[in-house]
PDB file of all heavy atoms in Angstrom:
ATOM      1  N   GLU A   1    -110.466  -9.003 112.296  1.00  0.00           N
ATOM      2  CA  GLU A   1    -111.222  -8.070 113.118  1.00  0.00           C
ATOM      3  C   GLU A   1    -110.377  -6.874 113.531  1.00  0.00           C
ATOM      4  O   GLU A   1    -110.869  -5.764 113.689  1.00  0.00           O
ATOM      5  CB  GLU A   1    -111.785  -8.782 114.344  1.00  0.00           C
ATOM      6  CG  GLU A   1    -112.877  -9.769 114.007  1.00  0.00           C
ATOM      7  CD  GLU A   1    -113.288 -10.648 115.168  1.00  0.00           C
ATOM      8  OE1 GLU A   1    -112.759 -10.446 116.316  1.00  0.00           O
ATOM      9  OE2 GLU A   1    -114.119 -11.535 114.939  1.00  0.00           O
ATOM     10  N   ASP A   2    -109.073  -7.090 113.752  1.00  0.00           N
ATOM     11  CA  ASP A   2    -108.176  -6.003 114.153  1.00  0.00           C
ATOM     12  C   ASP A   2    -106.776  -6.311 113.650  1.00  0.00           C
ATOM     13  O   ASP A   2    -105.949  -6.874 114.365  1.00  0.00           O
ATOM     14  CB  ASP A   2    -108.172  -5.836 115.666  1.00  0.00           C
ATOM     15  CG  ASP A   2    -107.432  -4.599 116.110  1.00  0.00           C
ATOM     16  OD1 ASP A   2    -106.796  -3.929 115.278  1.00  0.00           O
ATOM     17  OD2 ASP A   2    -107.485  -4.271 117.331  1.00  0.00           O
ATOM     18  N   PRO A   3    -106.470  -5.914 112.404  1.00  0.00           N
ATOM     19  CA  PRO A   3    -105.173  -6.241 111.811  1.00  0.00           C
ATOM     20  C   PRO A   3    -103.988  -5.587 112.511  1.00  0.00           C
ATOM     21  O   PRO A   3    -102.851  -6.014 112.336  1.00  0.00           O
ATOM     22  CB  PRO A   3    -105.280  -5.758 110.362  1.00  0.00           C
ATOM     23  CG  PRO A   3    -106.563  -5.046 110.242  1.00  0.00           C
ATOM     24  CD  PRO A   3    -107.359  -5.242 111.451  1.00  0.00           C
ATOM     25  N   ASP A   4    -104.255  -4.584 113.322  1.00  0.00           N
ATOM     26  CA  ASP A   4    -103.167  -3.889 114.041  1.00  0.00           C
ATOM     27  C   ASP A   4    -102.902  -4.491 115.424  1.00  0.00           C
ATOM     28  O   ASP A   4    -102.073  -3.956 116.165  1.00  0.00           O
ATOM     29  CB  ASP A   4    -103.481  -2.405 114.144  1.00  0.00           C
ATOM     30  CG  ASP A   4    -103.518  -1.709 112.800  1.00  0.00           C
ATOM     31  OD1 ASP A   4    -102.738  -2.139 111.914  1.00  0.00           O
ATOM     32  OD2 ASP A   4    -104.325  -0.796 112.615  1.00  0.00           O
ATOM     33  N   TRP A   5    -103.611  -5.558 115.796  1.00  0.00           N
ATOM     34  CA  TRP A   5    -103.449  -6.161 117.106  1.00  0.00           C
ATOM     35  C   TRP A   5    -102.239  -7.080 117.102  1.00  0.00           C
ATOM     36  O   TRP A   5    -102.302  -8.275 117.367  1.00  0.00           O
ATOM     37  CB  TRP A   5    -104.731  -6.911 117.505  1.00  0.00           C
ATOM     38  CG  TRP A   5    -104.814  -7.284 118.937  1.00  0.00           C
ATOM     39  CD1 TRP A   5    -104.950  -8.536 119.445  1.00  0.00           C
ATOM     40  CD2 TRP A   5    -104.766  -6.410 120.075  1.00  0.00           C
ATOM     41  NE1 TRP A   5    -104.976  -8.515 120.838  1.00  0.00           N
ATOM     42  CE2 TRP A   5    -104.888  -7.210 121.227  1.00  0.00           C
ATOM     43  CE3 TRP A   5    -104.626  -5.036 120.230  1.00  0.00           C
ATOM     44  CZ2 TRP A   5    -104.862  -6.678 122.510  1.00  0.00           C
ATOM     45  CZ3 TRP A   5    -104.624  -4.519 121.503  1.00  0.00           C
ATOM     46  CH2 TRP A   5    -104.732  -5.324 122.635  1.00  0.00           C
ATOM     47  N   VAL A   6    -101.072  -6.501 116.729  1.00  0.00           N
ATOM     48  CA  VAL A   6     -99.818  -7.218 116.649  1.00  0.00           C
ATOM     49  C   VAL A   6     -98.724  -6.389 117.300  1.00  0.00           C
ATOM     50  O   VAL A   6     -98.877  -5.177 117.511  1.00  0.00           O
ATOM     51  CB  VAL A   6     -99.426  -7.554 115.184  1.00  0.00           C
ATOM     52  CG1 VAL A   6    -100.440  -8.507 114.562  1.00  0.00           C
ATOM     53  CG2 VAL A   6     -99.283  -6.304 114.364  1.00  0.00           C
ATOM     54  N   THR A   7     -97.644  -7.028 117.634  1.00  0.00           N
ATOM     55  CA  THR A   7     -96.496  -6.345 118.215  1.00  0.00           C
ATOM     56  C   THR A   7     -95.226  -6.799 117.486  1.00  0.00           C
ATOM     57  O   THR A   7     -95.124  -7.918 117.018  1.00  0.00           O
ATOM     58  CB  THR A   7     -96.379  -6.664 119.740  1.00  0.00           C
ATOM     59  OG1 THR A   7     -95.356  -5.859 120.305  1.00  0.00           O
ATOM     60  CG2 THR A   7     -96.079  -8.129 120.001  1.00  0.00           C
ATOM     61  N   ALA A   8     -94.274  -5.879 117.402  1.00  0.00           N
ATOM     62  CA  ALA A   8     -92.966  -6.242 116.876  1.00  0.00           C
ATOM     63  C   ALA A   8     -92.210  -7.017 117.923  1.00  0.00           C
ATOM     64  O   ALA A   8     -92.306  -6.713 119.121  1.00  0.00           O
ATOM     65  CB  ALA A   8     -92.196  -4.973 116.505  1.00  0.00           C
ATOM     66  N   VAL A   9     -91.474  -8.068 117.514  1.00  0.00           N
ATOM     67  CA  VAL A   9     -90.720  -8.852 118.463  1.00  0.00           C
ATOM     68  C   VAL A   9     -89.242  -8.873 118.101  1.00  0.00           C
ATOM     69  O   VAL A   9     -88.877  -8.676 116.957  1.00  0.00           O
ATOM     70  CB  VAL A   9     -91.263 -10.300 118.565  1.00  0.00           C
ATOM     71  CG1 VAL A   9     -92.651 -10.338 119.180  1.00  0.00           C
ATOM     72  CG2 VAL A   9     -91.250 -11.012 117.224  1.00  0.00           C
ATOM     73  N   ASP A  10     -88.447  -9.088 119.137  1.00  0.00           N
ATOM     74  CA  ASP A  10     -87.003  -9.082 118.977  1.00  0.00           C
ATOM     75  C   ASP A  10     -86.441 -10.346 119.621  1.00  0.00           C
ATOM     76  O   ASP A  10     -86.567 -10.536 120.820  1.00  0.00           O
ATOM     77  CB  ASP A  10     -86.446  -7.832 119.665  1.00  0.00           C
ATOM     78  CG  ASP A  10     -84.948  -7.699 119.530  1.00  0.00           C
ATOM     79  OD1 ASP A  10     -84.369  -8.223 118.562  1.00  0.00           O
ATOM     80  OD2 ASP A  10     -84.342  -7.043 120.394  1.00  0.00           O
ATOM     81  N   VAL A  11     -85.836 -11.194 118.782  1.00  0.00           N
ATOM     82  CA  VAL A  11     -85.171 -12.406 119.310  1.00  0.00           C
ATOM     83  C   VAL A  11     -83.891 -11.960 119.992  1.00  0.00           C
ATOM     84  O   VAL A  11     -83.035 -11.321 119.382  1.00  0.00           O
ATOM     85  CB  VAL A  11     -84.854 -13.401 118.168  1.00  0.00           C
ATOM     86  CG1 VAL A  11     -83.997 -14.550 118.689  1.00  0.00           C
ATOM     87  CG2 VAL A  11     -86.145 -13.926 117.545  1.00  0.00           C
ATOM     88  N   GLN A  12     -83.748 -12.310 121.262  1.00  0.00           N
ATOM     89  CA  GLN A  12     -82.586 -11.923 122.048  1.00  0.00           C
ATOM     90  C   GLN A  12     -81.760 -13.081 122.542  1.00  0.00           C
ATOM     91  O   GLN A  12     -80.654 -12.888 123.073  1.00  0.00           O
ATOM     92  CB  GLN A  12     -83.010 -11.042 123.210  1.00  0.00           C
ATOM     93  CG  GLN A  12     -83.680  -9.753 122.738  1.00  0.00           C
ATOM     94  CD  GLN A  12     -84.155  -8.925 123.904  1.00  0.00           C
ATOM     95  OE1 GLN A  12     -84.607  -9.452 124.904  1.00  0.00           O
ATOM     96  NE2 GLN A  12     -84.070  -7.629 123.751  1.00  0.00           N
ATOM     97  N   ARG A  13     -82.302 -14.284 122.400  1.00  0.00           N
ATOM     98  CA  ARG A  13     -81.572 -15.472 122.893  1.00  0.00           C
ATOM     99  C   ARG A  13     -81.839 -16.614 121.938  1.00  0.00           C
ATOM    100  O   ARG A  13     -82.968 -16.802 121.499  1.00  0.00           O
ATOM    101  CB  ARG A  13     -82.070 -15.805 124.300  1.00  0.00           C
ATOM    102  CG  ARG A  13     -81.446 -17.032 124.904  1.00  0.00           C
ATOM    103  CD  ARG A  13     -80.211 -16.672 125.723  1.00  0.00           C
ATOM    104  NE  ARG A  13     -79.885 -17.782 126.605  1.00  0.00           N
ATOM    105  CZ  ARG A  13     -78.919 -18.637 126.362  1.00  0.00           C
ATOM    106  NH1 ARG A  13     -78.204 -18.531 125.297  1.00  0.00           N
ATOM    107  NH2 ARG A  13     -78.677 -19.615 127.208  1.00  0.00           N
ATOM    108  N   GLU A  14     -80.799 -17.385 121.607  1.00  0.00           N
ATOM    109  CA  GLU A  14     -80.922 -18.549 120.755  1.00  0.00           C
ATOM    110  C   GLU A  14     -80.177 -19.722 121.395  1.00  0.00           C
ATOM    111  O   GLU A  14     -79.064 -19.526 121.880  1.00  0.00           O
ATOM    112  CB  GLU A  14     -80.323 -18.293 119.378  1.00  0.00           C
ATOM    113  CG  GLU A  14     -81.010 -17.202 118.599  1.00  0.00           C
ATOM    114  CD  GLU A  14     -80.435 -17.022 117.202  1.00  0.00           C
ATOM    115  OE1 GLU A  14     -79.493 -17.753 116.811  1.00  0.00           O
ATOM    116  OE2 GLU A  14     -80.939 -16.148 116.496  1.00  0.00           O
ATOM    117  N   VAL A  15     -80.781 -20.901 121.360  1.00  0.00           N
ATOM    118  CA  VAL A  15     -80.153 -22.099 121.902  1.00  0.00           C
ATOM    119  C   VAL A  15     -80.351 -23.214 120.871  1.00  0.00           C
ATOM    120  O   VAL A  15     -81.487 -23.518 120.477  1.00  0.00           O
ATOM    121  CB  VAL A  15     -80.792 -22.520 123.249  1.00  0.00           C
ATOM    122  CG1 VAL A  15     -80.229 -23.836 123.737  1.00  0.00           C
ATOM    123  CG2 VAL A  15     -80.631 -21.432 124.296  1.00  0.00           C
ATOM    124  N   PRO A  16     -79.256 -23.828 120.401  1.00  0.00           N
ATOM    125  CA  PRO A  16     -79.394 -24.924 119.445  1.00  0.00           C
ATOM    126  C   PRO A  16     -80.004 -26.144 120.080  1.00  0.00           C
ATOM    127  O   PRO A  16     -79.750 -26.454 121.253  1.00  0.00           O
ATOM    128  CB  PRO A  16     -77.964 -25.167 118.971  1.00  0.00           C
ATOM    129  CG  PRO A  16     -77.080 -24.566 120.023  1.00  0.00           C
ATOM    130  CD  PRO A  16     -77.863 -23.525 120.734  1.00  0.00           C
ATOM    131  N   ILE A  17     -80.817 -26.856 119.291  1.00  0.00           N
ATOM    132  CA  ILE A  17     -81.399 -28.142 119.690  1.00  0.00           C
ATOM    133  C   ILE A  17     -81.239 -29.056 118.480  1.00  0.00           C
ATOM    134  O   ILE A  17     -81.011 -28.575 117.368  1.00  0.00           O
ATOM    135  CB  ILE A  17     -82.863 -28.024 120.108  1.00  0.00           C
ATOM    136  CG1 ILE A  17     -83.744 -27.498 118.952  1.00  0.00           C
ATOM    137  CG2 ILE A  17     -83.037 -27.149 121.349  1.00  0.00           C
ATOM    138  CD1 ILE A  17     -85.224 -27.560 119.196  1.00  0.00           C
ATOM    139  N   PRO A  18     -81.352 -30.357 118.648  1.00  0.00           N
ATOM    140  CA  PRO A  18     -81.295 -31.255 117.483  1.00  0.00           C
ATOM    141  C   PRO A  18     -82.354 -30.862 116.446  1.00  0.00           C
ATOM    142  O   PRO A  18     -83.526 -30.705 116.785  1.00  0.00           O
ATOM    143  CB  PRO A  18     -81.579 -32.634 118.078  1.00  0.00           C
ATOM    144  CG  PRO A  18     -81.133 -32.506 119.505  1.00  0.00           C
ATOM    145  CD  PRO A  18     -81.484 -31.105 119.909  1.00  0.00           C
ATOM    146  N   GLY A  19     -81.927 -30.615 115.245  1.00  0.00           N
ATOM    147  CA  GLY A  19     -82.856 -30.284 114.161  1.00  0.00           C
ATOM    148  C   GLY A  19     -83.281 -28.832 114.105  1.00  0.00           C
ATOM    149  O   GLY A  19     -84.173 -28.476 113.332  1.00  0.00           O
ATOM    150  N   GLY A  20     -82.700 -27.968 114.946  1.00  0.00           N
ATOM    151  CA  GLY A  20     -83.131 -26.567 114.897  1.00  0.00           C
ATOM    152  C   GLY A  20     -82.621 -25.759 116.072  1.00  0.00           C
ATOM    153  O   GLY A  20     -81.487 -25.932 116.509  1.00  0.00           O
ATOM    154  N   LEU A  21     -83.465 -24.901 116.582  1.00  0.00           N
ATOM    155  CA  LEU A  21     -83.113 -24.084 117.720  1.00  0.00           C
ATOM    156  C   LEU A  21     -84.356 -23.582 118.401  1.00  0.00           C
ATOM    157  O   LEU A  21     -85.449 -23.620 117.842  1.00  0.00           O
ATOM    158  CB  LEU A  21     -82.229 -22.895 117.295  1.00  0.00           C
ATOM    159  CG  LEU A  21     -82.819 -21.848 116.373  1.00  0.00           C
ATOM    160  CD1 LEU A  21     -82.049 -20.535 116.586  1.00  0.00           C
ATOM    161  CD2 LEU A  21     -82.611 -22.268 114.923  1.00  0.00           C
ATOM    162  N   VAL A  22     -84.177 -23.145 119.647  1.00  0.00           N
ATOM    163  CA  VAL A  22     -85.225 -22.417 120.362  1.00  0.00           C
ATOM    164  C   VAL A  22     -84.741 -21.005 120.569  1.00  0.00           C
ATOM    165  O   VAL A  22     -83.541 -20.758 120.697  1.00  0.00           O
ATOM    166  CB  VAL A  22     -85.592 -23.088 121.704  1.00  0.00           C
ATOM    167  CG1 VAL A  22     -86.317 -24.423 121.466  1.00  0.00           C
ATOM    168  CG2 VAL A  22     -84.397 -23.299 122.595  1.00  0.00           C
ATOM    169  N   VAL A  23     -85.677 -20.078 120.516  1.00  0.00           N
ATOM    170  CA  VAL A  23     -85.346 -18.666 120.664  1.00  0.00           C
ATOM    171  C   VAL A  23     -86.278 -18.041 121.685  1.00  0.00           C
ATOM    172  O   VAL A  23     -87.383 -18.550 121.932  1.00  0.00           O
ATOM    173  CB  VAL A  23     -85.430 -17.914 119.316  1.00  0.00           C
ATOM    174  CG1 VAL A  23     -84.448 -18.489 118.306  1.00  0.00           C
ATOM    175  CG2 VAL A  23     -86.853 -17.910 118.781  1.00  0.00           C
ATOM    176  N   GLY A  24     -85.851 -16.945 122.232  1.00  0.00           N
ATOM    177  CA  GLY A  24     -86.696 -16.194 123.164  1.00  0.00           C
ATOM    178  C   GLY A  24     -86.414 -14.721 123.039  1.00  0.00           C
ATOM    179  O   GLY A  24     -85.369 -14.321 122.489  1.00  0.00           O
ATOM    180  N   GLY A  25     -87.316 -13.916 123.548  1.00  0.00           N
ATOM    181  CA  GLY A  25     -87.114 -12.480 123.477  1.00  0.00           C
ATOM    182  C   GLY A  25     -88.301 -11.707 123.978  1.00  0.00           C
ATOM    183  O   GLY A  25     -89.082 -12.191 124.792  1.00  0.00           O
ATOM    184  N   GLU A  26     -88.390 -10.481 123.450  1.00  0.00           N
ATOM    185  CA  GLU A  26     -89.388  -9.559 123.949  1.00  0.00           C
ATOM    186  C   GLU A  26     -90.177  -8.933 122.794  1.00  0.00           C
ATOM    187  O   GLU A  26     -89.782  -8.997 121.639  1.00  0.00           O
ATOM    188  CB  GLU A  26     -88.732  -8.444 124.739  1.00  0.00           C
ATOM    189  CG  GLU A  26     -87.844  -7.523 123.922  1.00  0.00           C
ATOM    190  CD  GLU A  26     -87.154  -6.462 124.767  1.00  0.00           C
ATOM    191  OE1 GLU A  26     -87.579  -6.237 125.910  1.00  0.00           O
ATOM    192  OE2 GLU A  26     -86.215  -5.861 124.273  1.00  0.00           O
TER     193      GLU A  26
END
């Protein structure tokens, strides 16, 4: 319905966890 209803994101924080990681940002 609206292919432009998206935003660019930037991962600014990474924390390792068993089997992968969690990330956060803006």
